[in-house]
């Protein structure tokens, strides 16, 4: 394997195409950030639901990692509702020569 090959993500290792794996990785990162924020604030699921403007079962889905139930847009919105600043960094991939 050439040394310039990028590292395979966990989602790629599970058989997802690189594009889908990247999408899932971004969603997972956003979900983890939101879960961390909820924990840092010491919110119960009910308190988090009120603060985020969603139902308690929705918060439960988030904290249980039900990634298929959240889009990137929704997660960015929820993080903004919680008072977080969300930024993205886009880098060009290095291609094999």
Protein backbone atom coordinates (compact mmCIF):
# COMPACT_ATOMS: atom_id res chain seq x y z
CA UNK A 1 0.00 0.00 0.00
CA UNK A 2 1.49 3.41 -0.94
CA UNK A 3 2.46 5.64 1.97
CA UNK A 4 0.50 8.59 0.51
CA UNK A 5 -2.83 6.74 0.95
CA UNK A 6 -5.01 8.38 3.55
CA UNK A 7 -6.03 6.45 6.62
CA UNK A 8 -9.25 4.49 6.35
CA UNK A 9 -12.01 5.72 8.65
CA UNK A 10 -13.98 3.45 10.95
CA UNK A 11 -17.02 3.84 8.69
CA UNK A 12 -15.00 2.84 5.64
CA UNK A 13 -13.77 -0.19 7.57
CA UNK A 14 -17.43 -1.10 8.06
CA UNK A 15 -17.89 -1.12 4.29
CA UNK A 16 -19.27 2.35 3.58
CA UNK A 17 -18.12 4.15 0.45
CA UNK A 18 -15.65 6.96 1.24
CA UNK A 19 -18.20 9.72 0.58
CA UNK A 20 -20.85 8.15 2.82
CA UNK A 21 -18.23 7.35 5.46
CA UNK A 22 -17.20 11.03 5.56
CA UNK A 23 -20.82 12.10 5.92
CA UNK A 24 -21.29 9.66 8.81
CA UNK A 25 -18.05 10.79 10.45
CA UNK A 26 -19.17 14.43 10.38
CA UNK A 27 -22.56 13.53 11.85
CA UNK A 28 -20.91 11.42 14.56
CA UNK A 29 -18.53 14.26 15.46
CA UNK A 30 -21.44 16.72 15.74
CA UNK A 31 -23.46 14.27 17.85
CA UNK A 32 -20.51 13.74 20.20
CA UNK A 33 -19.98 17.49 20.54
CA UNK A 34 -23.64 18.01 21.40
CA UNK A 35 -23.61 15.13 23.89
CA UNK A 36 -20.50 16.60 25.52
CA UNK A 37 -22.15 20.00 25.75
CA UNK A 38 -25.23 18.48 27.41
CA UNK A 39 -23.03 16.63 29.90
CA UNK A 40 -20.89 19.71 30.65
CA UNK A 41 -24.01 21.70 31.46
CA UNK A 42 -25.33 18.92 33.65
CA UNK A 43 -28.65 18.90 31.81
CA UNK A 44 -31.11 16.08 32.22
CA UNK A 45 -32.67 14.85 29.01
CA UNK A 46 -35.80 16.90 29.81
CA UNK A 47 -33.73 20.05 30.43
CA UNK A 48 -31.77 19.49 27.22
CA UNK A 49 -35.00 18.99 25.29
CA UNK A 50 -36.38 22.30 26.56
CA UNK A 51 -33.14 24.15 25.80
CA UNK A 52 -32.87 22.66 22.31
CA UNK A 53 -36.55 22.94 21.43
CA UNK A 54 -37.05 19.22 20.83
CA UNK A 55 -38.72 16.34 22.65
CA UNK A 56 -37.05 14.27 25.36
CA UNK A 57 -37.17 11.13 23.16
CA UNK A 58 -35.27 13.12 20.51
CA UNK A 59 -32.54 13.90 23.06
CA UNK A 60 -32.52 10.23 24.04
CA UNK A 61 -31.95 9.26 20.38
CA UNK A 62 -29.07 11.71 20.23
CA UNK A 63 -27.40 10.47 23.40
CA UNK A 64 -27.86 6.84 22.36
CA UNK A 65 -26.03 7.52 19.10
CA UNK A 66 -28.91 6.89 16.70
CA UNK A 67 -27.02 8.54 13.86
CA UNK A 68 -29.58 7.64 11.20
CA UNK A 69 -32.12 9.95 12.86
CA UNK A 70 -30.07 13.16 12.54
CA UNK A 71 -28.94 15.15 9.52
CA UNK A 72 -25.95 17.44 9.55
CA UNK A 73 -28.35 20.41 9.24
CA UNK A 74 -30.33 19.29 12.28
CA UNK A 75 -27.21 18.76 14.38
CA UNK A 76 -25.80 22.17 13.47
CA UNK A 77 -29.17 23.73 14.37
CA UNK A 78 -29.25 21.93 17.74
CA UNK A 79 -25.69 23.00 18.54
CA UNK A 80 -26.62 26.61 17.69
CA UNK A 81 -29.71 26.33 19.92
CA UNK A 82 -27.38 25.24 22.72
CA UNK A 83 -25.24 28.33 22.16
CA UNK A 84 -22.33 26.63 20.43
CA UNK A 85 -20.42 28.11 17.51
CA UNK A 86 -20.03 25.55 14.73
CA UNK A 87 -17.24 25.96 12.22
CA UNK A 88 -16.11 23.76 9.37
CA UNK A 89 -12.69 23.32 7.89
CA UNK A 90 -12.43 22.07 4.34
CA UNK A 91 -9.14 20.66 3.07
CA UNK A 92 -8.27 19.29 -0.29
CA UNK A 93 -7.41 15.62 -0.28
CA UNK A 94 -3.95 14.65 -1.27
CA UNK A 95 -4.18 12.32 -4.21
CA UNK A 96 -1.84 9.46 -4.97
CA UNK A 97 0.69 10.26 -7.67
